Amino acid sequence: ASPFTFKKYGRNGIDVSELLPNLAAQIDDICVIKSVYTFIPNHEPGRNLFFSGVMTSMRPTMGAWISYGLGTENQNLPAFVVMTATWTGRKEAQAIYNRLWSAGMLPSKHQGVALRSQGDPVLYLANPEGVDPATRRRMLDGLNRLNQKHFQAMGDPETQARIAQYEMAFRMQTSVPELANLASEPKSILDMYGPDVNKPGTFAASALLARRLVERGVRFVQIFHRGWDQHGNLTGDLPNQCRDVDQPCWALINDLKQRGMLDDTLVIWGG
């Protein structure tokens, strides 16, 4: 038997563990799908299936298809953003790879852009010393002219994707620092996400960034939170793992709801 107790919550009497008290109180805003199954028992093909619908690797993932199909509402941020949160449960965790946010055979501009949890959210976001924005703009304009000549000669659509990525990177030099600056959030919102929200890379910080990304028109945000593959020490590791996500998940749903964004934002929690 589980070492933890379960009780029924909400109008439909959904069973929820004592380790998720915040989500338990909010269960009427959550759809629990119990009918999902798979014939794929192994980690790697299972994860490929989960993210791309195919157990072999290098197919377009969910976020890439959504970017391809719907585009973006913010030209200064990618349509598909990925974050990898820290965790406090079992220390050994399954590795993850960038193919889990791959664009596969779609143009590479649809692949996920990973925000880092330490240092600059995106590598090389700042210009090198001695290079001002105007100089960077002239450099990109010259490079774009060369790339356009190459495209006219070769007709490779990846050249156009590369041009678009350079332009996006230039715009992200302004948009990403503003996005990542949580100081603009009121104390009431920070308190709602919990004490870990001010620690870069935590699930709480990632959840708040997810709301800020969606608010700015990013189509698909993916947060990886590893450490759930529990094999032992359940009473030691699992409470920590659940504590990482319980209040931030509750806060994210409430935050979206109070802004009227939950009407057209789908939040999926699975693994």
Protein backbone atom coordinates (compact mmCIF):
# COMPACT_ATOMS: atom_id res chain seq x y z
CA ALA A 1 0.00 0.00 0.00
CA SER A 2 1.04 3.58 -0.48
CA PRO A 3 2.69 5.13 2.59
CA PHE A 4 0.65 8.26 1.86
CA THR A 5 -3.07 8.78 2.31
CA PHE A 6 -5.54 9.65 -0.46
CA LYS A 7 -8.84 11.47 -0.05
CA LYS A 8 -11.66 12.38 -2.41
CA TYR A 9 -11.90 16.05 -3.42
CA GLY A 10 -14.19 18.26 -5.46
CA ARG A 11 -17.63 17.78 -6.92
CA ASN A 12 -16.68 14.45 -8.52
CA GLY A 13 -14.78 12.93 -5.64
CA ILE A 14 -11.35 12.74 -7.34
CA ASP A 15 -8.71 10.83 -5.38
CA VAL A 16 -5.68 13.01 -4.60
CA SER A 17 -2.63 12.26 -2.48
CA GLU A 18 -1.89 14.14 0.72
CA LEU A 19 1.37 15.24 -0.97
CA LEU A 20 -0.58 17.59 -3.28
CA PRO A 21 -2.78 19.64 -0.93
CA ASN A 22 -2.93 22.76 -3.12
CA LEU A 23 -3.91 20.88 -6.26
CA ALA A 24 -6.40 18.84 -4.24
CA ALA A 25 -8.21 22.02 -3.25
CA GLN A 26 -8.35 23.05 -6.91
CA ILE A 27 -9.32 19.72 -8.41
CA ASP A 28 -12.57 21.02 -9.93
CA ASP A 29 -10.45 23.10 -12.35
CA ILE A 30 -8.54 19.98 -13.41
CA CYS A 31 -9.44 17.15 -15.80
CA VAL A 32 -7.82 13.88 -14.68
CA ILE A 33 -7.44 11.52 -17.67
CA LYS A 34 -7.25 7.89 -16.54
CA SER A 35 -7.58 6.10 -19.87
CA VAL A 36 -4.10 6.70 -21.32
CA TYR A 37 -1.96 3.62 -21.94
CA THR A 38 0.98 2.53 -24.08
CA PHE A 39 2.62 -0.61 -25.40
CA ILE A 40 6.04 1.10 -25.16
CA PRO A 41 7.63 0.18 -21.79
CA ASN A 42 11.14 1.66 -22.21
CA HIS A 43 12.29 5.17 -21.36
CA GLU A 44 13.64 6.50 -24.64
CA PRO A 45 11.00 5.25 -27.10
CA GLY A 46 8.34 6.08 -24.49
CA ARG A 47 9.46 9.68 -24.24
CA ASN A 48 9.74 10.00 -28.01
CA LEU A 49 6.15 8.73 -28.25
CA PHE A 50 5.00 11.13 -25.54
CA PHE A 51 6.46 14.24 -27.19
CA SER A 52 6.18 13.43 -30.89
CA GLY A 53 3.57 10.65 -31.21
CA VAL A 54 6.19 8.32 -32.72
CA MET A 55 8.54 6.11 -30.71
CA THR A 56 11.48 6.66 -33.06
CA SER A 57 13.49 9.85 -32.64
CA MET A 58 13.82 12.99 -34.76
CA ARG A 59 10.17 13.53 -35.60
CA PRO A 60 8.61 16.96 -34.99
CA THR A 61 7.51 17.39 -31.38
CA MET A 62 4.25 18.90 -30.11
CA GLY A 63 5.56 22.43 -29.78
CA ALA A 64 7.14 22.34 -33.23
CA TRP A 65 3.86 21.27 -34.85
CA ILE A 66 1.98 24.01 -33.01
CA SER A 67 4.55 26.60 -34.08
CA TYR A 68 4.29 25.32 -37.67
CA GLY A 69 0.49 25.31 -37.63
CA LEU A 70 -0.32 28.44 -35.67
CA GLY A 71 2.79 30.61 -35.79
CA THR A 72 3.41 33.11 -33.02
CA GLU A 73 1.66 36.20 -31.71
CA ASN A 74 4.95 37.81 -30.58
CA GLN A 75 7.67 38.44 -33.16
CA ASN A 76 10.22 39.19 -30.42
CA LEU A 77 10.06 35.75 -28.77
CA PRO A 78 10.10 32.19 -30.15
CA ALA A 79 6.81 30.38 -30.66
CA PHE A 80 8.13 27.34 -28.71
CA VAL A 81 10.09 27.74 -25.47
CA VAL A 82 11.57 25.00 -23.26
CA MET A 83 12.70 25.16 -19.62
CA THR A 84 14.39 22.47 -17.52
CA ALA A 85 13.59 23.00 -13.84
CA THR A 86 15.66 21.89 -10.88
CA TRP A 87 14.22 19.26 -8.55
CA THR A 88 14.67 18.15 -4.93
CA GLY A 89 13.55 14.52 -5.13
CA ARG A 90 15.66 11.59 -6.24
CA LYS A 91 19.08 12.93 -7.25
CA GLU A 92 19.62 10.48 -10.09
CA ALA A 93 17.38 11.42 -12.99
CA GLN A 94 16.90 10.31 -16.56
CA ALA A 95 18.87 12.40 -19.03
CA ILE A 96 16.96 14.57 -21.50
CA TYR A 97 18.01 15.57 -24.99
CA ASN A 98 17.17 18.42 -27.31
CA ARG A 99 15.44 15.99 -29.68
CA LEU A 100 12.53 16.17 -27.21
CA TRP A 101 11.88 19.67 -28.55
CA SER A 102 13.08 19.00 -32.08
CA ALA A 103 11.48 20.32 -35.25
CA GLY A 104 12.31 17.07 -37.05
CA MET A 105 11.84 17.51 -40.79
CA LEU A 106 10.06 20.87 -40.32
CA PRO A 107 12.09 24.08 -40.85
CA SER A 108 14.43 24.56 -37.91
CA LYS A 109 12.77 27.84 -36.89
CA HIS A 110 10.00 25.71 -35.34
CA GLN A 111 12.27 23.87 -32.89
CA GLY A 112 12.07 24.75 -29.20
CA VAL A 113 14.35 27.42 -27.78
CA ALA A 114 15.70 26.39 -24.38
CA LEU A 115 15.92 29.02 -21.63
CA ARG A 116 18.82 28.30 -19.26
CA SER A 117 18.28 28.23 -15.50
CA GLN A 118 21.65 29.78 -14.64
CA GLY A 119 23.34 32.86 -16.07
CA ASP A 120 21.86 34.50 -19.16
CA PRO A 121 18.58 32.80 -20.12
CA VAL A 122 19.96 32.44 -23.65
CA LEU A 123 23.66 32.11 -24.47
CA TYR A 124 25.34 35.10 -26.14
CA LEU A 125 22.32 37.28 -25.44
CA ALA A 126 24.53 40.27 -24.65
CA ASN A 127 26.71 41.89 -27.31
CA PRO A 128 30.47 41.43 -26.87
CA GLU A 129 32.36 44.30 -25.28
CA GLY A 130 32.80 47.10 -27.77
CA VAL A 131 29.84 46.08 -29.95
CA ASP A 132 26.82 48.36 -29.60
CA PRO A 133 23.31 47.59 -30.93
CA ALA A 134 23.78 49.80 -34.00
CA THR A 135 26.98 47.96 -34.94
CA ARG A 136 25.28 44.60 -34.41
CA ARG A 137 22.41 45.73 -36.63
CA ARG A 138 24.82 46.68 -39.45
CA MET A 139 26.58 43.32 -39.10
CA LEU A 140 23.30 41.43 -39.38
CA ASP A 141 22.16 43.49 -42.36
CA GLY A 142 25.38 42.63 -44.19
CA LEU A 143 25.08 38.97 -43.25
CA ASN A 144 21.45 38.88 -44.37
CA ARG A 145 22.41 40.25 -47.80
CA LEU A 146 24.99 37.47 -48.19
CA ASN A 147 22.47 34.85 -47.04
CA GLN A 148 19.87 36.15 -49.49
CA LYS A 149 22.38 35.79 -52.33
CA HIS A 150 23.11 32.24 -51.19
CA PHE A 151 19.37 31.47 -51.10
CA GLN A 152 18.85 32.83 -54.61
CA ALA A 153 21.71 30.66 -55.85
CA MET A 154 20.89 27.44 -53.98
CA GLY A 155 17.18 27.69 -53.11
CA ASP A 156 17.69 25.97 -49.73
CA PRO A 157 14.77 26.93 -47.40
CA GLU A 158 17.05 26.43 -44.38
CA THR A 159 18.86 29.60 -45.46
CA GLN A 160 15.65 31.56 -44.93
CA ALA A 161 15.20 29.83 -41.57
CA ARG A 162 18.71 30.90 -40.58
CA ILE A 163 18.00 34.52 -41.57
CA ALA A 164 14.83 34.46 -39.46
CA GLN A 165 16.74 33.00 -36.50
CA TYR A 166 19.38 35.74 -36.65
CA GLU A 167 16.65 38.37 -36.68
CA MET A 168 14.85 36.68 -33.78
CA ALA A 169 18.08 36.53 -31.78
CA PHE A 170 18.58 40.27 -32.32
CA ARG A 171 15.07 41.06 -31.05
CA MET A 172 15.48 38.65 -28.12
CA GLN A 173 18.39 40.77 -26.83
CA THR A 174 15.70 43.18 -25.65
CA SER A 175 12.69 40.94 -25.08
CA VAL A 176 14.29 38.15 -23.02
CA PRO A 177 15.84 40.29 -20.24
CA GLU A 178 12.47 42.00 -19.81
CA LEU A 179 10.73 38.62 -19.74
CA ALA A 180 13.10 37.15 -17.14
CA ASN A 181 12.90 40.16 -14.80
CA LEU A 182 10.43 38.93 -12.19
CA ALA A 183 10.91 42.12 -10.15
CA SER A 184 8.06 43.63 -12.15
CA GLU A 185 5.64 41.11 -10.61
CA PRO A 186 3.67 42.29 -7.55
CA LYS A 187 4.50 40.68 -4.22
CA SER A 188 1.07 39.03 -4.10
CA ILE A 189 1.86 37.06 -7.28
CA LEU A 190 5.35 36.08 -6.11
CA ASP A 191 3.91 34.92 -2.78
CA MET A 192 1.29 32.87 -4.61
CA TYR A 193 3.97 30.85 -6.45
CA GLY A 194 5.84 30.20 -3.19
CA PRO A 195 9.29 30.87 -1.71
CA ASP A 196 11.20 29.13 -4.52
CA VAL A 197 9.94 31.59 -7.15
CA ASN A 198 12.95 33.87 -6.59
CA LYS A 199 15.44 31.02 -7.12
CA PRO A 200 16.32 30.87 -10.84
CA GLY A 201 15.70 27.48 -12.40
CA THR A 202 13.21 26.15 -9.85
CA PHE A 203 9.86 24.80 -10.96
CA ALA A 204 8.17 27.77 -9.27
CA ALA A 205 10.27 30.27 -11.23
CA SER A 206 9.67 28.29 -14.44
CA ALA A 207 5.91 28.23 -13.87
CA LEU A 208 5.78 32.00 -13.44
CA LEU A 209 7.95 32.45 -16.53
CA ALA A 210 5.54 30.17 -18.38
CA ARG A 211 2.67 32.52 -17.56
CA ARG A 212 4.74 35.52 -18.64
CA LEU A 213 5.63 33.78 -21.92
CA VAL A 214 2.04 32.82 -22.71
CA GLU A 215 0.93 36.33 -21.76
CA ARG A 216 3.34 37.65 -24.40
CA GLY A 217 1.94 35.43 -27.14
CA VAL A 218 4.30 32.42 -27.00
CA ARG A 219 2.30 29.47 -28.33
CA PHE A 220 3.87 26.52 -26.53
CA VAL A 221 5.86 26.38 -23.28
CA GLN A 222 7.35 23.11 -22.07
CA ILE A 223 8.79 22.61 -18.55
CA PHE A 224 10.80 19.50 -17.77
CA HIS A 225 10.85 18.53 -14.09
CA ARG A 226 12.92 15.41 -13.62
CA GLY A 227 13.30 13.01 -10.71
CA TRP A 228 9.87 11.34 -10.79
CA ASP A 229 11.26 7.93 -11.72
CA GLN A 230 11.19 6.79 -8.10
CA HIS A 231 12.72 3.41 -7.22
CA GLY A 232 13.22 3.74 -3.48
CA ASN A 233 13.23 6.12 -0.50
CA LEU A 234 9.70 7.18 -1.38
CA THR A 235 9.04 8.67 2.03
CA GLY A 236 12.19 10.80 1.70
CA ASP A 237 12.25 11.84 -1.96
CA LEU A 238 8.65 11.90 -3.13
CA PRO A 239 7.40 14.55 -0.64
CA ASN A 240 10.18 16.88 -1.81
CA GLN A 241 9.40 16.20 -5.45
CA CYS A 242 5.71 16.93 -4.93
CA ARG A 243 6.49 20.04 -2.88
CA ASP A 244 8.45 21.38 -5.87
CA VAL A 245 5.34 21.46 -8.04
CA ASP A 246 2.23 21.52 -5.84
CA GLN A 247 2.02 25.21 -4.98
CA PRO A 248 3.46 26.49 -8.29
CA CYS A 249 1.01 24.38 -10.34
CA TRP A 250 -1.86 25.64 -8.19
CA ALA A 251 -0.56 29.20 -8.57
CA LEU A 252 -0.18 28.93 -12.34
CA ILE A 253 -3.78 27.78 -12.78
CA ASN A 254 -5.05 30.52 -10.45
CA ASP A 255 -2.86 33.12 -12.09
CA LEU A 256 -4.15 32.24 -15.57
CA LYS A 257 -7.70 32.06 -14.29
CA GLN A 258 -7.73 35.47 -12.60
CA ARG A 259 -6.35 37.05 -15.80
CA GLY A 260 -8.99 35.39 -17.98
CA MET A 261 -6.24 33.41 -19.73
CA LEU A 262 -7.35 29.95 -18.61
CA ASP A 263 -10.23 30.23 -21.11
CA ASP A 264 -7.82 29.72 -24.02
CA THR A 265 -4.73 28.19 -22.40
CA LEU A 266 -4.38 24.42 -22.11
CA VAL A 267 -2.21 23.30 -19.18
CA ILE A 268 -1.05 19.67 -19.38
CA TRP A 269 0.76 17.92 -16.55
CA GLY A 270 1.91 14.41 -17.36
CA GLY A 271 4.84 12.06 -17.66
